[in-house]
PDB file of N, CA and C in Angstrom:
ATOM      1  N   MET A   1      55.886  -0.801 -31.333  1.00  0.00           N
ATOM      2  CA  MET A   1      56.624  -0.006 -30.864  1.00  0.00           C
ATOM      3  C   MET A   1      56.036   0.555 -29.851  1.00  0.00           C
ATOM      4  N   MET A   2      54.716   0.631 -29.120  1.00  0.00           N
ATOM      5  CA  MET A   2      54.382   0.891 -27.591  1.00  0.00           C
ATOM      6  C   MET A   2      54.351   0.079 -26.685  1.00  0.00           C
ATOM      7  N   ARG A   3      54.824  -1.814 -26.939  1.00  0.00           N
ATOM      8  CA  ARG A   3      55.232  -2.234 -26.381  1.00  0.00           C
ATOM      9  C   ARG A   3      56.974  -1.874 -25.682  1.00  0.00           C
ATOM     10  N   ASN A   4      57.494  -1.739 -26.542  1.00  0.00           N
ATOM     11  CA  ASN A   4      59.585  -1.549 -26.008  1.00  0.00           C
ATOM     12  C   ASN A   4      58.962  -0.272 -25.310  1.00  0.00           C
ATOM     13  N   LEU A   5      58.373   1.150 -25.784  1.00  0.00           N
ATOM     14  CA  LEU A   5      58.348   2.011 -25.182  1.00  0.00           C
ATOM     15  C   LEU A   5      57.893   1.844 -23.563  1.00  0.00           C
ATOM     16  N   THR A   6      56.928   0.593 -23.375  1.00  0.00           N
ATOM     17  CA  THR A   6      56.439   0.722 -22.020  1.00  0.00           C
ATOM     18  C   THR A   6      57.674  -0.001 -20.860  1.00  0.00           C
ATOM     19  N   ILE A   7      58.417  -0.958 -21.524  1.00  0.00           N
ATOM     20  CA  ILE A   7      59.906  -2.072 -21.377  1.00  0.00           C
ATOM     21  C   ILE A   7      60.156  -1.164 -21.389  1.00  0.00           C
ATOM     22  N   PHE A   8      60.800   0.290 -22.243  1.00  0.00           N
ATOM     23  CA  PHE A   8      61.984   0.810 -21.745  1.00  0.00           C
ATOM     24  C   PHE A   8      61.661   1.927 -20.556  1.00  0.00           C
ATOM     25  N   LEU A   9      60.317   2.352 -20.347  1.00  0.00           N
ATOM     26  CA  LEU A   9      60.220   3.244 -19.224  1.00  0.00           C
ATOM     27  C   LEU A   9      60.006   2.143 -17.915  1.00  0.00           C
ATOM     28  N   THR A  10      59.693   0.798 -18.104  1.00  0.00           N
ATOM     29  CA  THR A  10      60.037   0.157 -16.605  1.00  0.00           C
ATOM     30  C   THR A  10      60.496  -0.303 -16.397  1.00  0.00           C
ATOM     31  N   ALA A  11      62.240  -0.274 -17.351  1.00  0.00           N
ATOM     32  CA  ALA A  11      63.528  -0.507 -16.760  1.00  0.00           C
ATOM     33  C   ALA A  11      63.934   0.826 -16.075  1.00  0.00           C
ATOM     34  N   ILE A  12      63.558   2.401 -16.665  1.00  0.00           N
ATOM     35  CA  ILE A  12      64.212   3.271 -16.479  1.00  0.00           C
ATOM     36  C   ILE A  12      63.554   3.409 -14.829  1.00  0.00           C
ATOM     37  N   PHE A  13      62.001   3.450 -14.434  1.00  0.00           N
ATOM     38  CA  PHE A  13      61.734   3.684 -13.036  1.00  0.00           C
ATOM     39  C   PHE A  13      62.094   2.192 -12.269  1.00  0.00           C
ATOM     40  N   LEU A  14      62.327   1.072 -13.003  1.00  0.00           N
ATOM     41  CA  LEU A  14      63.405   0.050 -12.039  1.00  0.00           C
ATOM     42  C   LEU A  14      64.454   0.960 -11.239  1.00  0.00           C
ATOM     43  N   VAL A  15      65.082   0.830 -11.996  1.00  0.00           N
ATOM     44  CA  VAL A  15      67.161   1.303 -12.281  1.00  0.00           C
ATOM     45  C   VAL A  15      66.902   2.577 -11.193  1.00  0.00           C
ATOM     46  N   TYR A  16      65.891   3.692 -11.276  1.00  0.00           N
ATOM     47  CA  TYR A  16      66.226   5.047 -10.579  1.00  0.00           C
ATOM     48  C   TYR A  16      65.031   4.965  -9.504  1.00  0.00           C
ATOM     49  N   GLY A  17      63.921   4.250  -9.491  1.00  0.00           N
ATOM     50  CA  GLY A  17      63.167   3.872  -8.464  1.00  0.00           C
ATOM     51  C   GLY A  17      63.370   3.380  -6.794  1.00  0.00           C
ATOM     52  N   CYS A  18      64.582   2.219  -7.324  1.00  0.00           N
ATOM     53  CA  CYS A  18      64.866   1.074  -6.359  1.00  0.00           C
ATOM     54  C   CYS A  18      65.282   1.790  -5.087  1.00  0.00           C
ATOM     55  N   ASP A  19      65.802   3.177  -5.408  1.00  0.00           N
ATOM     56  CA  ASP A  19      66.755   3.772  -4.484  1.00  0.00           C
ATOM     57  C   ASP A  19      66.155   3.467  -3.116  1.00  0.00           C
ATOM     58  N   ASN A  20      66.952   2.960  -2.094  1.00  0.00           N
ATOM     59  CA  ASN A  20      65.972   2.454  -0.968  1.00  0.00           C
ATOM     60  C   ASN A  20      66.713   3.480   0.063  1.00  0.00           C
ATOM     61  N   GLY A  21      67.921   4.584  -0.154  1.00  0.00           N
ATOM     62  CA  GLY A  21      67.910   5.238   0.678  1.00  0.00           C
ATOM     63  C   GLY A  21      69.120   4.829   1.247  1.00  0.00           C
ATOM     64  N   ALA A  22      69.734   4.198   0.575  1.00  0.00           N
ATOM     65  CA  ALA A  22      71.136   3.418   1.707  1.00  0.00           C
ATOM     66  C   ALA A  22      72.533   4.577   0.998  1.00  0.00           C
ATOM     67  N   SER A  23      72.105   5.327   0.031  1.00  0.00           N
ATOM     68  CA  SER A  23      73.356   6.198  -0.287  1.00  0.00           C
ATOM     69  C   SER A  23      72.926   7.102   0.857  1.00  0.00           C
ATOM     70  N   ILE A  24      74.354   7.880   1.628  1.00  0.00           N
ATOM     71  CA  ILE A  24      74.215   8.916   2.547  1.00  0.00           C
ATOM     72  C   ILE A  24      75.046  10.133   1.506  1.00  0.00           C
ATOM     73  N   THR A  25      74.389  11.130   1.678  1.00  0.00           N
ATOM     74  CA  THR A  25      74.952  12.163   0.754  1.00  0.00           C
ATOM     75  C   THR A  25      75.482  13.378   1.631  1.00  0.00           C
ATOM     76  N   ALA A  26      76.551  14.019   1.023  1.00  0.00           N
ATOM     77  CA  ALA A  26      77.324  14.827   2.391  1.00  0.00           C
ATOM     78  C   ALA A  26      76.490  15.795   2.959  1.00  0.00           C
ATOM     79  N   LYS A  27      74.858  16.674   2.598  1.00  0.00           N
ATOM     80  CA  LYS A  27      74.228  17.050   3.155  1.00  0.00           C
ATOM     81  C   LYS A  27      73.745  16.044   4.481  1.00  0.00           C
ATOM     82  N   ASP A  28      72.993  14.623   3.863  1.00  0.00           N
ATOM     83  CA  ASP A  28      72.764  13.687   4.988  1.00  0.00           C
ATOM     84  C   ASP A  28      74.030  13.682   6.227  1.00  0.00           C
ATOM     85  N   LYS A  29      75.190  13.928   5.819  1.00  0.00           N
ATOM     86  CA  LYS A  29      76.304  13.698   6.724  1.00  0.00           C
ATOM     87  C   LYS A  29      76.345  15.206   7.498  1.00  0.00           C
ATOM     88  N   THR A  30      76.296  15.699   6.999  1.00  0.00           N
ATOM     89  CA  THR A  30      76.442  17.462   7.847  1.00  0.00           C
ATOM     90  C   THR A  30      75.003  17.218   8.295  1.00  0.00           C
ATOM     91  N   GLU A  31      73.756  16.925   8.258  1.00  0.00           N
ATOM     92  CA  GLU A  31      72.789  16.948   9.498  1.00  0.00           C
ATOM     93  C   GLU A  31      73.143  16.341  10.455  1.00  0.00           C
ATOM     94  N   ALA A  32      73.688  14.958   9.993  1.00  0.00           N
ATOM     95  CA  ALA A  32      74.001  14.175  10.900  1.00  0.00           C
ATOM     96  C   ALA A  32      74.629  14.202  12.147  1.00  0.00           C
ATOM     97  N   ALA A  33      75.660  15.726  11.592  1.00  0.00           N
ATOM     98  CA  ALA A  33      76.588  16.245  12.284  1.00  0.00           C
ATOM     99  C   ALA A  33      76.229  17.102  13.433  1.00  0.00           C
ATOM    100  N   VAL A  34      74.905  17.685  12.412  1.00  0.00           N
ATOM    101  CA  VAL A  34      74.881  18.916  13.492  1.00  0.00           C
ATOM    102  C   VAL A  34      73.764  18.442  14.584  1.00  0.00           C
ATOM    103  N   ILE A  35      72.917  17.227  14.729  1.00  0.00           N
ATOM    104  CA  ILE A  35      71.887  16.241  15.453  1.00  0.00           C
ATOM    105  C   ILE A  35      73.078  16.146  16.525  1.00  0.00           C
ATOM    106  N   LEU A  36      74.391  15.498  16.221  1.00  0.00           N
ATOM    107  CA  LEU A  36      75.215  14.777  17.202  1.00  0.00           C
ATOM    108  C   LEU A  36      76.103  16.268  18.231  1.00  0.00           C
ATOM    109  N   GLU A  37      75.948  17.567  17.907  1.00  0.00           N
ATOM    110  CA  GLU A  37      76.396  18.710  18.322  1.00  0.00           C
ATOM    111  C   GLU A  37      76.816  18.249  19.800  1.00  0.00           C
ATOM    112  N   ARG A  38      77.727  19.167  20.562  1.00  0.00           N
ATOM    113  CA  ARG A  38      77.804  19.242  22.420  1.00  0.00           C
ATOM    114  C   ARG A  38      76.616  20.035  22.850  1.00  0.00           C
ATOM    115  N   PRO A  39      76.249  19.911  23.487  1.00  0.00           N
ATOM    116  CA  PRO A  39      75.058  21.275  24.124  1.00  0.00           C
ATOM    117  C   PRO A  39      75.696  22.562  24.158  1.00  0.00           C
ATOM    118  N   THR A  40      75.348  23.482  24.529  1.00  0.00           N
ATOM    119  CA  THR A  40      75.867  24.481  24.655  1.00  0.00           C
ATOM    120  C   THR A  40      76.271  24.740  26.358  1.00  0.00           C
ATOM    121  N   ASP A  41      77.195  25.435  26.885  1.00  0.00           N
ATOM    122  CA  ASP A  41      76.996  25.662  28.605  1.00  0.00           C
ATOM    123  C   ASP A  41      75.670  26.352  29.258  1.00  0.00           C
ATOM    124  N   ALA A  42      75.120  26.669  28.146  1.00  0.00           N
ATOM    125  CA  ALA A  42      73.476  27.463  28.839  1.00  0.00           C
ATOM    126  C   ALA A  42      72.787  26.040  28.827  1.00  0.00           C
ATOM    127  N   GLU A  43      72.532  25.197  27.847  1.00  0.00           N
ATOM    128  CA  GLU A  43      71.729  24.919  27.641  1.00  0.00           C
ATOM    129  C   GLU A  43      71.913  23.066  28.754  1.00  0.00           C
ATOM    130  N   LEU A  44      73.022  22.711  29.252  1.00  0.00           N
ATOM    131  CA  LEU A  44      73.687  21.993  30.259  1.00  0.00           C
ATOM    132  C   LEU A  44      73.485  22.672  31.585  1.00  0.00           C
ATOM    133  N   GLN A  45      73.721  24.079  31.466  1.00  0.00           N
ATOM    134  CA  GLN A  45      72.613  24.397  33.158  1.00  0.00           C
ATOM    135  C   GLN A  45      71.664  24.735  33.016  1.00  0.00           C
ATOM    136  N   ALA A  46      70.696  24.769  31.947  1.00  0.00           N
ATOM    137  CA  ALA A  46      69.268  24.952  32.145  1.00  0.00           C
ATOM    138  C   ALA A  46      68.908  22.882  32.362  1.00  0.00           C
ATOM    139  N   PHE A  47      69.763  22.679  32.010  1.00  0.00           N
ATOM    140  CA  PHE A  47      68.574  21.036  31.868  1.00  0.00           C
ATOM    141  C   PHE A  47      69.048  20.566  33.519  1.00  0.00           C
ATOM    142  N   LYS A  48      70.351  21.044  34.367  1.00  0.00           N
ATOM    143  CA  LYS A  48      70.308  20.679  35.649  1.00  0.00           C
ATOM    144  C   LYS A  48      69.453  21.608  36.422  1.00  0.00           C
ATOM    145  N   VAL A  49      68.926  22.641  36.150  1.00  0.00           N
ATOM    146  CA  VAL A  49      68.204  23.753  37.210  1.00  0.00           C
ATOM    147  C   VAL A  49      66.412  23.035  37.034  1.00  0.00           C
ATOM    148  N   TYR A  50      66.650  22.320  35.558  1.00  0.00           N
ATOM    149  CA  TYR A  50      65.231  21.647  35.313  1.00  0.00           C
ATOM    150  C   TYR A  50      65.103  20.565  35.919  1.00  0.00           C
ATOM    151  N   HIS A  51      66.589  19.698  35.999  1.00  0.00           N
ATOM    152  CA  HIS A  51      66.164  18.090  36.779  1.00  0.00           C
ATOM    153  C   HIS A  51      65.842  18.622  38.307  1.00  0.00           C
ATOM    154  N   HIS A  52      66.560  19.797  38.384  1.00  0.00           N
ATOM    155  CA  HIS A  52      66.653  19.888  39.975  1.00  0.00           C
ATOM    156  C   HIS A  52      65.234  20.033  40.624  1.00  0.00           C
ATOM    157  N   ALA A  53      64.532  20.983  39.902  1.00  0.00           N
ATOM    158  CA  ALA A  53      63.405  21.146  39.967  1.00  0.00           C
ATOM    159  C   ALA A  53      61.942  20.281  39.842  1.00  0.00           C
ATOM    160  N   VAL A  54      62.530  19.294  38.922  1.00  0.00           N
ATOM    161  CA  VAL A  54      61.524  18.300  39.393  1.00  0.00           C
ATOM    162  C   VAL A  54      61.987  17.467  40.026  1.00  0.00           C
ATOM    163  N   TYR A  55      63.172  16.950  40.815  1.00  0.00           N
ATOM    164  CA  TYR A  55      63.607  16.259  41.942  1.00  0.00           C
ATOM    165  C   TYR A  55      62.826  16.883  43.349  1.00  0.00           C
ATOM    166  N   LEU A  56      63.043  18.084  43.157  1.00  0.00           N
ATOM    167  CA  LEU A  56      61.761  18.909  44.387  1.00  0.00           C
ATOM    168  C   LEU A  56      60.286  18.790  44.495  1.00  0.00           C
ATOM    169  N   VAL A  57      59.658  18.554  43.150  1.00  0.00           N
ATOM    170  CA  VAL A  57      58.351  18.631  43.074  1.00  0.00           C
ATOM    171  C   VAL A  57      58.501  17.030  43.928  1.00  0.00           C
ATOM    172  N   THR A  58      59.164  16.414  43.021  1.00  0.00           N
ATOM    173  CA  THR A  58      58.849  14.532  42.923  1.00  0.00           C
ATOM    174  C   THR A  58      59.202  14.432  44.707  1.00  0.00           C
ATOM    175  N   THR A  59      60.154  14.975  44.874  1.00  0.00           N
ATOM    176  CA  THR A  59      60.442  14.535  46.849  1.00  0.00           C
ATOM    177  C   THR A  59      59.235  15.437  48.025  1.00  0.00           C
ATOM    178  N   ALA A  60      58.673  16.371  47.057  1.00  0.00           N
ATOM    179  CA  ALA A  60      57.991  16.924  47.691  1.00  0.00           C
ATOM    180  C   ALA A  60      56.210  16.657  47.815  1.00  0.00           C
ATOM    181  N   GLU A  61      55.881  15.745  46.637  1.00  0.00           N
ATOM    182  CA  GLU A  61      54.490  14.639  46.653  1.00  0.00           C
ATOM    183  C   GLU A  61      54.565  13.595  47.470  1.00  0.00           C
ATOM    184  N   GLN A  62      56.159  13.137  47.039  1.00  0.00           N
ATOM    185  CA  GLN A  62      56.136  11.675  48.225  1.00  0.00           C
ATOM    186  C   GLN A  62      56.168  12.164  49.395  1.00  0.00           C
ATOM    187  N   ALA A  63      56.971  13.312  50.262  1.00  0.00           N
ATOM    188  CA  ALA A  63      56.760  13.614  51.323  1.00  0.00           C
ATOM    189  C   ALA A  63      55.277  13.973  51.864  1.00  0.00           C
ATOM    190  N   GLY A  64      54.187  14.187  50.943  1.00  0.00           N
ATOM    191  CA  GLY A  64      53.239  14.806  51.454  1.00  0.00           C
ATOM    192  C   GLY A  64      52.695  16.176  51.873  1.00  0.00           C
ATOM    193  N   GLY A  65      53.468  16.630  51.043  1.00  0.00           N
ATOM    194  CA  GLY A  65      53.931  18.166  50.538  1.00  0.00           C
ATOM    195  C   GLY A  65      54.812  19.189  51.075  1.00  0.00           C
ATOM    196  N   THR A  66      54.816  20.234  50.634  1.00  0.00           N
ATOM    197  CA  THR A  66      55.787  21.017  51.002  1.00  0.00           C
ATOM    198  C   THR A  66      55.832  21.159  52.730  1.00  0.00           C
ATOM    199  N   ASN A  67      57.262  21.624  53.080  1.00  0.00           N
ATOM    200  CA  ASN A  67      57.599  22.019  54.335  1.00  0.00           C
ATOM    201  C   ASN A  67      57.256  19.979  55.151  1.00  0.00           C
ATOM    202  N   LYS A  68      57.412  19.370  54.299  1.00  0.00           N
ATOM    203  CA  LYS A  68      57.418  18.087  55.407  1.00  0.00           C
ATOM    204  C   LYS A  68      58.994  17.416  55.425  1.00  0.00           C
ATOM    205  N   LEU A  69      58.926  16.572  55.973  1.00  0.00           N
ATOM    206  CA  LEU A  69      60.294  15.641  55.954  1.00  0.00           C
ATOM    207  C   LEU A  69      60.311  14.304  55.487  1.00  0.00           C
ATOM    208  N   HIS A  70      60.756  13.408  54.430  1.00  0.00           N
ATOM    209  CA  HIS A  70      60.535  12.113  53.654  1.00  0.00           C
ATOM    210  C   HIS A  70      61.896  11.849  54.249  1.00  0.00           C
ATOM    211  N   HIS A  71      62.120  10.850  54.867  1.00  0.00           N
ATOM    212  CA  HIS A  71      62.886   9.770  55.495  1.00  0.00           C
ATOM    213  C   HIS A  71      63.167   8.476  54.161  1.00  0.00           C
ATOM    214  N   SER A  72      63.921   8.485  53.072  1.00  0.00           N
ATOM    215  CA  SER A  72      64.081   6.953  52.969  1.00  0.00           C
ATOM    216  C   SER A  72      65.484   6.877  53.089  1.00  0.00           C
ATOM    217  N   THR A  73      65.786   5.315  52.766  1.00  0.00           N
ATOM    218  CA  THR A  73      67.300   4.658  52.844  1.00  0.00           C
ATOM    219  C   THR A  73      67.291   3.774  52.001  1.00  0.00           C
TER     220      THR A  73
END
């Protein structure tokens, strides 16, 4: 009796425990859609401002400080 119960429980765990996550649920699709959303206009503008500020700092460091010219070819 105990052996049959052990075999039965092992079979149940193998069937339900072997899901490797390959199945995609509707919730997973919704979360993926949220991740791939288009950025807002404010986020795009903020990215431009941030990128420009980083560029200014990098260029100033390459020139040797502020108010100095850096000629690159």
